[in-house]
PDB file of N, CA and C in Angstrom:
ATOM      1  N   UNK A   1       0.747   5.966   8.219  1.00  0.00           N
ATOM      2  CA  UNK A   1       2.014   5.389   7.864  1.00  0.00           C
ATOM      3  C   UNK A   1       2.243   5.447   6.351  1.00  0.00           C
ATOM      4  N   UNK A   2       1.208   5.161   5.590  1.00  0.00           N
ATOM      5  CA  UNK A   2       1.326   5.239   4.133  1.00  0.00           C
ATOM      6  C   UNK A   2       1.597   6.675   3.710  1.00  0.00           C
ATOM      7  N   UNK A   3       0.896   7.620   4.328  1.00  0.00           N
ATOM      8  CA  UNK A   3       1.058   9.017   3.948  1.00  0.00           C
ATOM      9  C   UNK A   3       2.484   9.494   4.220  1.00  0.00           C
ATOM     10  N   UNK A   4       3.084   9.040   5.316  1.00  0.00           N
ATOM     11  CA  UNK A   4       4.462   9.422   5.616  1.00  0.00           C
ATOM     12  C   UNK A   4       5.416   8.899   4.546  1.00  0.00           C
ATOM     13  N   UNK A   5       5.193   7.657   4.116  1.00  0.00           N
ATOM     14  CA  UNK A   5       6.045   7.090   3.066  1.00  0.00           C
ATOM     15  C   UNK A   5       5.852   7.831   1.752  1.00  0.00           C
ATOM     16  N   UNK A   6       4.611   8.215   1.449  1.00  0.00           N
ATOM     17  CA  UNK A   6       4.352   8.968   0.220  1.00  0.00           C
ATOM     18  C   UNK A   6       5.009  10.341   0.266  1.00  0.00           C
ATOM     19  N   UNK A   7       5.016  10.973   1.428  1.00  0.00           N
ATOM     20  CA  UNK A   7       5.611  12.302   1.551  1.00  0.00           C
ATOM     21  C   UNK A   7       7.101  12.307   1.253  1.00  0.00           C
ATOM     22  N   UNK A   8       7.758  11.175   1.404  1.00  0.00           N
ATOM     23  CA  UNK A   8       9.183  11.070   1.115  1.00  0.00           C
ATOM     24  C   UNK A   8       9.471  10.981  -0.384  1.00  0.00           C
ATOM     25  N   UNK A   9       8.451  10.709  -1.178  1.00  0.00           N
ATOM     26  CA  UNK A   9       8.624  10.521  -2.618  1.00  0.00           C
ATOM     27  C   UNK A   9       8.490  11.841  -3.374  1.00  0.00           C
ATOM     28  N   UNK A  10       9.016  11.891  -4.613  1.00  0.00           N
ATOM     29  CA  UNK A  10       8.875  13.098  -5.434  1.00  0.00           C
ATOM     30  C   UNK A  10       7.423  13.304  -5.882  1.00  0.00           C
ATOM     31  N   UNK A  11       7.110  14.476  -6.450  1.00  0.00           N
ATOM     32  CA  UNK A  11       5.730  14.780  -6.867  1.00  0.00           C
ATOM     33  C   UNK A  11       5.166  13.814  -7.914  1.00  0.00           C
ATOM     34  N   UNK A  12       6.013  13.261  -8.762  1.00  0.00           N
ATOM     35  CA  UNK A  12       5.585  12.257  -9.741  1.00  0.00           C
ATOM     36  C   UNK A  12       6.212  10.932  -9.347  1.00  0.00           C
ATOM     37  N   UNK A  13       5.381   9.899  -9.208  1.00  0.00           N
ATOM     38  CA  UNK A  13       5.896   8.601  -8.786  1.00  0.00           C
ATOM     39  C   UNK A  13       5.612   7.539  -9.838  1.00  0.00           C
ATOM     40  N   UNK A  14       6.392   6.492  -9.790  1.00  0.00           N
ATOM     41  CA  UNK A  14       6.209   5.384 -10.722  1.00  0.00           C
ATOM     42  C   UNK A  14       5.149   4.426 -10.185  1.00  0.00           C
ATOM     43  N   UNK A  15       4.695   3.555 -11.049  1.00  0.00           N
ATOM     44  CA  UNK A  15       3.742   2.528 -10.638  1.00  0.00           C
ATOM     45  C   UNK A  15       4.412   1.611  -9.612  1.00  0.00           C
ATOM     46  N   UNK A  16       5.676   1.327  -9.809  1.00  0.00           N
ATOM     47  CA  UNK A  16       6.419   0.486  -8.868  1.00  0.00           C
ATOM     48  C   UNK A  16       6.462   1.132  -7.485  1.00  0.00           C
ATOM     49  N   UNK A  17       6.733   2.432  -7.427  1.00  0.00           N
ATOM     50  CA  UNK A  17       6.761   3.132  -6.137  1.00  0.00           C
ATOM     51  C   UNK A  17       5.390   3.109  -5.473  1.00  0.00           C
ATOM     52  N   UNK A  18       4.350   3.326  -6.263  1.00  0.00           N
ATOM     53  CA  UNK A  18       2.990   3.269  -5.722  1.00  0.00           C
ATOM     54  C   UNK A  18       2.718   1.895  -5.126  1.00  0.00           C
ATOM     55  N   UNK A  19       3.077   0.859  -5.863  1.00  0.00           N
ATOM     56  CA  UNK A  19       2.845  -0.508  -5.399  1.00  0.00           C
ATOM     57  C   UNK A  19       3.623  -0.795  -4.120  1.00  0.00           C
ATOM     58  N   UNK A  20       4.853  -0.321  -4.044  1.00  0.00           N
ATOM     59  CA  UNK A  20       5.663  -0.556  -2.849  1.00  0.00           C
ATOM     60  C   UNK A  20       5.064   0.133  -1.627  1.00  0.00           C
ATOM     61  N   UNK A  21       4.635   1.367  -1.787  1.00  0.00           N
ATOM     62  CA  UNK A  21       4.067   2.116  -0.667  1.00  0.00           C
ATOM     63  C   UNK A  21       2.783   1.459  -0.178  1.00  0.00           C
ATOM     64  N   UNK A  22       1.937   1.027  -1.110  1.00  0.00           N
ATOM     65  CA  UNK A  22       0.659   0.422  -0.744  1.00  0.00           C
ATOM     66  C   UNK A  22       0.771  -1.066  -0.418  1.00  0.00           C
ATOM     67  N   UNK A  23       1.961  -1.627  -0.668  1.00  0.00           N
ATOM     68  CA  UNK A  23       2.213  -3.052  -0.435  1.00  0.00           C
ATOM     69  C   UNK A  23       1.261  -3.932  -1.239  1.00  0.00           C
ATOM     70  N   UNK A  24       1.192  -3.609  -2.531  1.00  0.00           N
ATOM     71  CA  UNK A  24       0.375  -4.377  -3.460  1.00  0.00           C
ATOM     72  C   UNK A  24       1.234  -4.741  -4.663  1.00  0.00           C
ATOM     73  N   UNK A  25       0.748  -5.633  -5.485  1.00  0.00           N
ATOM     74  CA  UNK A  25       1.453  -5.999  -6.712  1.00  0.00           C
ATOM     75  C   UNK A  25       1.390  -4.845  -7.708  1.00  0.00           C
ATOM     76  N   UNK A  26       2.367  -4.783  -8.577  1.00  0.00           N
ATOM     77  CA  UNK A  26       2.393  -3.739  -9.602  1.00  0.00           C
ATOM     78  C   UNK A  26       1.168  -3.843 -10.510  1.00  0.00           C
ATOM     79  N   UNK A  27       0.736  -5.058 -10.818  1.00  0.00           N
ATOM     80  CA  UNK A  27      -0.447  -5.231 -11.667  1.00  0.00           C
ATOM     81  C   UNK A  27      -1.696  -4.676 -10.983  1.00  0.00           C
ATOM     82  N   UNK A  28      -1.784  -4.820  -9.663  1.00  0.00           N
ATOM     83  CA  UNK A  28      -2.915  -4.266  -8.917  1.00  0.00           C
ATOM     84  C   UNK A  28      -2.862  -2.745  -8.938  1.00  0.00           C
ATOM     85  N   UNK A  29      -1.667  -2.184  -8.813  1.00  0.00           N
ATOM     86  CA  UNK A  29      -1.508  -0.726  -8.883  1.00  0.00           C
ATOM     87  C   UNK A  29      -1.964  -0.215 -10.249  1.00  0.00           C
ATOM     88  N   UNK A  30      -1.561  -0.906 -11.315  1.00  0.00           N
ATOM     89  CA  UNK A  30      -1.999  -0.518 -12.659  1.00  0.00           C
ATOM     90  C   UNK A  30      -3.513  -0.590 -12.786  1.00  0.00           C
ATOM     91  N   UNK A  31      -4.099  -1.628 -12.236  1.00  0.00           N
ATOM     92  CA  UNK A  31      -5.555  -1.792 -12.292  1.00  0.00           C
ATOM     93  C   UNK A  31      -6.253  -0.618 -11.598  1.00  0.00           C
ATOM     94  N   UNK A  32      -5.757  -0.226 -10.441  1.00  0.00           N
ATOM     95  CA  UNK A  32      -6.340   0.908  -9.712  1.00  0.00           C
ATOM     96  C   UNK A  32      -6.212   2.183 -10.529  1.00  0.00           C
ATOM     97  N   UNK A  33      -5.043   2.417 -11.093  1.00  0.00           N
ATOM     98  CA  UNK A  33      -4.797   3.637 -11.864  1.00  0.00           C
ATOM     99  C   UNK A  33      -5.789   3.763 -13.017  1.00  0.00           C
ATOM    100  N   UNK A  34      -5.976   2.683 -13.761  1.00  0.00           N
ATOM    101  CA  UNK A  34      -6.844   2.754 -14.935  1.00  0.00           C
ATOM    102  C   UNK A  34      -8.324   2.647 -14.581  1.00  0.00           C
ATOM    103  N   UNK A  35      -8.658   1.874 -13.561  1.00  0.00           N
ATOM    104  CA  UNK A  35     -10.058   1.744 -13.154  1.00  0.00           C
ATOM    105  C   UNK A  35     -10.571   3.044 -12.552  1.00  0.00           C
ATOM    106  N   UNK A  36      -9.739   3.728 -11.802  1.00  0.00           N
ATOM    107  CA  UNK A  36     -10.149   4.952 -11.117  1.00  0.00           C
ATOM    108  C   UNK A  36      -9.875   6.213 -11.935  1.00  0.00           C
ATOM    109  N   UNK A  37      -9.425   6.051 -13.167  1.00  0.00           N
ATOM    110  CA  UNK A  37      -9.172   7.179 -14.073  1.00  0.00           C
ATOM    111  C   UNK A  37      -8.234   8.221 -13.480  1.00  0.00           C
ATOM    112  N   UNK A  38      -7.118   7.756 -12.926  1.00  0.00           N
ATOM    113  CA  UNK A  38      -6.095   8.667 -12.433  1.00  0.00           C
ATOM    114  C   UNK A  38      -5.546   9.487 -13.591  1.00  0.00           C
ATOM    115  N   UNK A  39      -5.164  10.713 -13.304  1.00  0.00           N
ATOM    116  CA  UNK A  39      -4.429  11.507 -14.275  1.00  0.00           C
ATOM    117  C   UNK A  39      -2.998  10.992 -14.247  1.00  0.00           C
ATOM    118  N   UNK A  40      -2.528  10.490 -15.379  1.00  0.00           N
ATOM    119  CA  UNK A  40      -1.175   9.940 -15.434  1.00  0.00           C
ATOM    120  C   UNK A  40      -0.373  10.662 -16.502  1.00  0.00           C
ATOM    121  N   UNK A  41       0.926  10.534 -16.416  1.00  0.00           N
ATOM    122  CA  UNK A  41       1.825  11.103 -17.413  1.00  0.00           C
ATOM    123  C   UNK A  41       2.577   9.941 -18.043  1.00  0.00           C
ATOM    124  N   UNK A  42       2.476   9.836 -19.365  1.00  0.00           N
ATOM    125  CA  UNK A  42       3.184   8.788 -20.093  1.00  0.00           C
ATOM    126  C   UNK A  42       4.440   9.401 -20.702  1.00  0.00           C
ATOM    127  N   UNK A  43       5.611   9.010 -20.208  1.00  0.00           N
ATOM    128  CA  UNK A  43       6.857   9.543 -20.734  1.00  0.00           C
ATOM    129  C   UNK A  43       7.262   8.830 -22.015  1.00  0.00           C
ATOM    130  N   UNK A  44       7.149   7.554 -22.022  1.00  0.00           N
ATOM    131  CA  UNK A  44       7.368   6.704 -23.191  1.00  0.00           C
ATOM    132  C   UNK A  44       6.445   5.519 -22.988  1.00  0.00           C
ATOM    133  N   UNK A  45       6.409   4.637 -23.943  1.00  0.00           N
ATOM    134  CA  UNK A  45       5.588   3.454 -23.695  1.00  0.00           C
ATOM    135  C   UNK A  45       6.167   2.735 -22.484  1.00  0.00           C
ATOM    136  N   UNK A  46       5.306   2.381 -21.566  1.00  0.00           N
ATOM    137  CA  UNK A  46       5.661   1.666 -20.345  1.00  0.00           C
ATOM    138  C   UNK A  46       6.389   2.527 -19.312  1.00  0.00           C
ATOM    139  N   UNK A  47       6.345   3.839 -19.448  1.00  0.00           N
ATOM    140  CA  UNK A  47       6.932   4.731 -18.440  1.00  0.00           C
ATOM    141  C   UNK A  47       5.843   5.662 -17.935  1.00  0.00           C
ATOM    142  N   UNK A  48       5.048   5.147 -17.033  1.00  0.00           N
ATOM    143  CA  UNK A  48       3.909   5.874 -16.492  1.00  0.00           C
ATOM    144  C   UNK A  48       4.302   6.557 -15.195  1.00  0.00           C
ATOM    145  N   UNK A  49       3.868   7.792 -15.031  1.00  0.00           N
ATOM    146  CA  UNK A  49       4.070   8.517 -13.777  1.00  0.00           C
ATOM    147  C   UNK A  49       2.709   8.935 -13.239  1.00  0.00           C
ATOM    148  N   UNK A  50       2.590   8.852 -11.924  1.00  0.00           N
ATOM    149  CA  UNK A  50       1.353   9.195 -11.237  1.00  0.00           C
ATOM    150  C   UNK A  50       1.605  10.449 -10.426  1.00  0.00           C
ATOM    151  N   UNK A  51       0.635  11.338 -10.406  1.00  0.00           N
ATOM    152  CA  UNK A  51       0.747  12.546  -9.594  1.00  0.00           C
ATOM    153  C   UNK A  51       0.507  12.133  -8.142  1.00  0.00           C
ATOM    154  N   UNK A  52       1.528  12.313  -7.325  1.00  0.00           N
ATOM    155  CA  UNK A  52       1.470  11.848  -5.934  1.00  0.00           C
ATOM    156  C   UNK A  52       0.285  12.444  -5.183  1.00  0.00           C
ATOM    157  N   UNK A  53       0.018  13.724  -5.374  1.00  0.00           N
ATOM    158  CA  UNK A  53      -1.085  14.388  -4.673  1.00  0.00           C
ATOM    159  C   UNK A  53      -2.421  13.749  -5.021  1.00  0.00           C
ATOM    160  N   UNK A  54      -2.575  13.321  -6.272  1.00  0.00           N
ATOM    161  CA  UNK A  54      -3.821  12.664  -6.679  1.00  0.00           C
ATOM    162  C   UNK A  54      -3.972  11.312  -5.980  1.00  0.00           C
ATOM    163  N   UNK A  55      -2.876  10.591  -5.834  1.00  0.00           N
ATOM    164  CA  UNK A  55      -2.922   9.319  -5.110  1.00  0.00           C
ATOM    165  C   UNK A  55      -3.282   9.551  -3.647  1.00  0.00           C
ATOM    166  N   UNK A  56      -2.697  10.558  -3.026  1.00  0.00           N
ATOM    167  CA  UNK A  56      -3.010  10.870  -1.625  1.00  0.00           C
ATOM    168  C   UNK A  56      -4.489  11.202  -1.476  1.00  0.00           C
ATOM    169  N   UNK A  57      -5.015  12.028  -2.379  1.00  0.00           N
ATOM    170  CA  UNK A  57      -6.443  12.373  -2.331  1.00  0.00           C
ATOM    171  C   UNK A  57      -7.316  11.139  -2.515  1.00  0.00           C
ATOM    172  N   UNK A  58      -6.935  10.268  -3.435  1.00  0.00           N
ATOM    173  CA  UNK A  58      -7.699   9.045  -3.669  1.00  0.00           C
ATOM    174  C   UNK A  58      -7.700   8.171  -2.418  1.00  0.00           C
ATOM    175  N   UNK A  59      -6.549   8.049  -1.776  1.00  0.00           N
ATOM    176  CA  UNK A  59      -6.458   7.250  -0.552  1.00  0.00           C
ATOM    177  C   UNK A  59      -7.341   7.822   0.549  1.00  0.00           C
ATOM    178  N   UNK A  60      -7.322   9.138   0.700  1.00  0.00           N
ATOM    179  CA  UNK A  60      -8.137   9.780   1.734  1.00  0.00           C
ATOM    180  C   UNK A  60      -9.626   9.552   1.498  1.00  0.00           C
ATOM    181  N   UNK A  61     -10.039   9.517   0.239  1.00  0.00           N
ATOM    182  CA  UNK A  61     -11.456   9.352  -0.096  1.00  0.00           C
ATOM    183  C   UNK A  61     -11.901   7.894  -0.184  1.00  0.00           C
ATOM    184  N   UNK A  62     -10.964   6.965  -0.260  1.00  0.00           N
ATOM    185  CA  UNK A  62     -11.327   5.568  -0.485  1.00  0.00           C
ATOM    186  C   UNK A  62     -10.792   4.605   0.562  1.00  0.00           C
ATOM    187  N   UNK A  63     -10.351   5.119   1.671  1.00  0.00           N
ATOM    188  CA  UNK A  63      -9.833   4.268   2.732  1.00  0.00           C
ATOM    189  C   UNK A  63     -10.814   4.259   3.886  1.00  0.00           C
ATOM    190  N   UNK A  64     -11.183   3.068   4.310  1.00  0.00           N
ATOM    191  CA  UNK A  64     -12.089   2.941   5.458  1.00  0.00           C
ATOM    192  C   UNK A  64     -11.330   3.303   6.728  1.00  0.00           C
ATOM    193  N   UNK A  65     -12.001   3.955   7.626  1.00  0.00           N
ATOM    194  CA  UNK A  65     -11.393   4.317   8.901  1.00  0.00           C
ATOM    195  C   UNK A  65     -11.911   3.351   9.957  1.00  0.00           C
ATOM    196  N   UNK A  66     -10.991   2.679  10.607  1.00  0.00           N
ATOM    197  CA  UNK A  66     -11.344   1.682  11.607  1.00  0.00           C
ATOM    198  C   UNK A  66     -10.996   2.193  12.993  1.00  0.00           C
ATOM    199  N   UNK A  67     -11.836   1.855  13.938  1.00  0.00           N
ATOM    200  CA  UNK A  67     -11.570   2.185  15.333  1.00  0.00           C
ATOM    201  C   UNK A  67     -11.335   0.867  16.057  1.00  0.00           C
ATOM    202  N   UNK A  68     -10.137   0.713  16.593  1.00  0.00           N
ATOM    203  CA  UNK A  68      -9.783  -0.516  17.283  1.00  0.00           C
ATOM    204  C   UNK A  68     -10.051  -0.371  18.769  1.00  0.00           C
ATOM    205  N   UNK A  69     -10.698  -1.368  19.323  1.00  0.00           N
ATOM    206  CA  UNK A  69     -10.970  -1.400  20.763  1.00  0.00           C
ATOM    207  C   UNK A  69     -10.044  -2.431  21.388  1.00  0.00           C
ATOM    208  N   UNK A  70      -8.772  -2.110  21.484  1.00  0.00           N
ATOM    209  CA  UNK A  70      -7.818  -3.096  21.945  1.00  0.00           C
ATOM    210  C   UNK A  70      -7.156  -2.704  23.160  1.00  0.00           C
TER     211      UNK A  70
END
């Protein structure tokens, strides 16, 4: 479901868009970006863009896969 929402976004996304897709606070999104050393693009001060493909790869490598027996 997250991947489908990400696919609708442009190749460069804002921190706000990342936070909305992941359903987290913007401050948490910023923490992830800087803690995980994402490649970011700074357009001006406070105008950060994230490479969408890098976020998708990070999600694929850092998301636990659960099997529900329901």
